[in-house]
Protein backbone atom coordinates (compact mmCIF):
# COMPACT_ATOMS: atom_id res chain seq x y z
CA UNK A 1 -3.56 12.65 23.49
CA UNK A 2 -2.72 9.01 22.79
CA UNK A 3 -3.91 7.60 19.48
CA UNK A 4 -4.64 3.90 19.43
CA UNK A 5 -2.29 2.07 17.12
CA UNK A 6 -2.94 -1.21 15.40
CA UNK A 7 -2.07 -4.60 16.83
CA UNK A 8 -0.47 -6.99 14.36
CA UNK A 9 -0.27 -10.63 15.36
CA UNK A 10 3.26 -12.12 15.26
CA UNK A 11 4.19 -13.66 11.89
CA UNK A 12 1.64 -11.63 9.90
CA UNK A 13 2.76 -10.07 6.60
CA UNK A 14 1.55 -6.63 5.57
CA UNK A 15 1.72 -6.11 1.80
CA UNK A 16 3.33 -3.07 0.21
CA UNK A 17 1.10 -0.02 0.07
CA UNK A 18 -1.48 -1.38 2.50
CA UNK A 19 -3.37 0.82 4.95
CA UNK A 20 -4.19 -0.50 8.43
CA UNK A 21 -7.04 1.27 10.20
CA UNK A 22 -6.47 2.85 13.61
CA UNK A 23 -7.19 0.47 16.47
CA UNK A 24 -7.34 -2.59 14.21
CA UNK A 25 -6.24 -6.06 15.26
CA UNK A 26 -4.62 -7.80 12.29
CA UNK A 27 -4.80 -11.60 12.56
CA UNK A 28 -4.26 -12.58 8.89
CA UNK A 29 -1.82 -11.60 6.17
CA UNK A 30 -2.78 -8.41 4.31
CA UNK A 31 -2.42 -8.32 0.51
CA UNK A 32 -0.56 -5.44 -1.15
CA UNK A 33 -2.52 -2.19 -1.57
CA UNK A 34 -5.41 -3.29 0.65
CA UNK A 35 -7.24 -1.19 3.20
CA UNK A 36 -8.09 -3.19 6.33
CA UNK A 37 -9.75 -2.21 9.58
CA UNK A 38 -11.62 -3.65 12.51
CA UNK A 39 -11.30 -6.23 15.24
CA UNK A 40 -10.36 -8.57 13.75
CA UNK A 41 -9.23 -6.54 10.71
CA UNK A 42 -11.09 -7.23 7.50
CA UNK A 43 -10.49 -5.97 3.98
CA UNK A 44 -12.53 -2.83 3.35
CA UNK A 45 -11.41 -2.52 -0.25
CA UNK A 46 -8.35 -2.44 -2.49
CA UNK A 47 -6.69 0.92 -3.07
CA UNK A 48 -6.38 0.31 -6.83
CA UNK A 49 -7.63 -2.17 -9.43
CA UNK A 50 -5.73 -5.44 -9.93
CA UNK A 51 -3.97 -4.20 -13.09
CA UNK A 52 -2.54 -1.13 -11.35
CA UNK A 53 -1.50 -3.24 -8.34
CA UNK A 54 0.37 -5.70 -10.58
CA UNK A 55 2.21 -2.87 -12.32
CA UNK A 56 3.12 -1.10 -9.07
CA UNK A 57 4.50 -4.34 -7.66
CA UNK A 58 6.43 -5.05 -10.87
CA UNK A 59 8.18 -1.66 -11.03
CA UNK A 60 9.11 -1.82 -7.33
CA UNK A 61 8.78 1.94 -6.94
CA UNK A 62 9.94 1.77 -3.32
CA UNK A 63 13.40 0.73 -4.55
CA UNK A 64 13.79 3.73 -6.90
CA UNK A 65 16.28 6.42 -5.95
CA UNK A 66 15.08 9.73 -4.52
CA UNK A 67 16.00 11.70 -7.63
CA UNK A 68 13.87 9.52 -9.90
CA UNK A 69 10.95 9.64 -7.46
CA UNK A 70 11.20 13.41 -7.24
CA UNK A 71 11.24 13.62 -11.05
CA UNK A 72 7.91 11.76 -11.26
CA UNK A 73 6.32 13.07 -8.05
CA UNK A 74 3.71 15.08 -9.96
CA UNK A 75 2.19 11.76 -11.15
CA UNK A 76 1.82 10.17 -7.69
CA UNK A 77 -1.87 11.06 -7.46
CA UNK A 78 -2.64 9.26 -10.75
CA UNK A 79 -0.96 5.84 -10.47
CA UNK A 80 -1.62 4.91 -14.14
CA UNK A 81 0.35 7.99 -15.30
CA UNK A 82 3.13 7.29 -12.80
CA UNK A 83 3.42 3.70 -14.04
CA UNK A 84 3.49 4.76 -17.67
CA UNK A 85 6.21 7.38 -17.02
CA UNK A 86 8.40 4.98 -15.04
CA UNK A 87 8.08 2.21 -17.62
CA UNK A 88 9.38 4.48 -20.45
């Protein structure tokens, strides 16, 4: 079974941690940690509050090495705890 992917217009930026809904057509830049869907794609909501988003962007978790990520993996489901552990 083929699943419809998303279409992203050339030159569009998708922010870190964003979720693009299946079958969406993205015609505008998507901010970090946003959930967008539709045709054209519109913001459904943010994944986290602005404070959490700022901290996640500041710590650049995606650049951390695998060992450090594994060490703090138990906190992934509670971003505030993950941020606090990484910042120590």
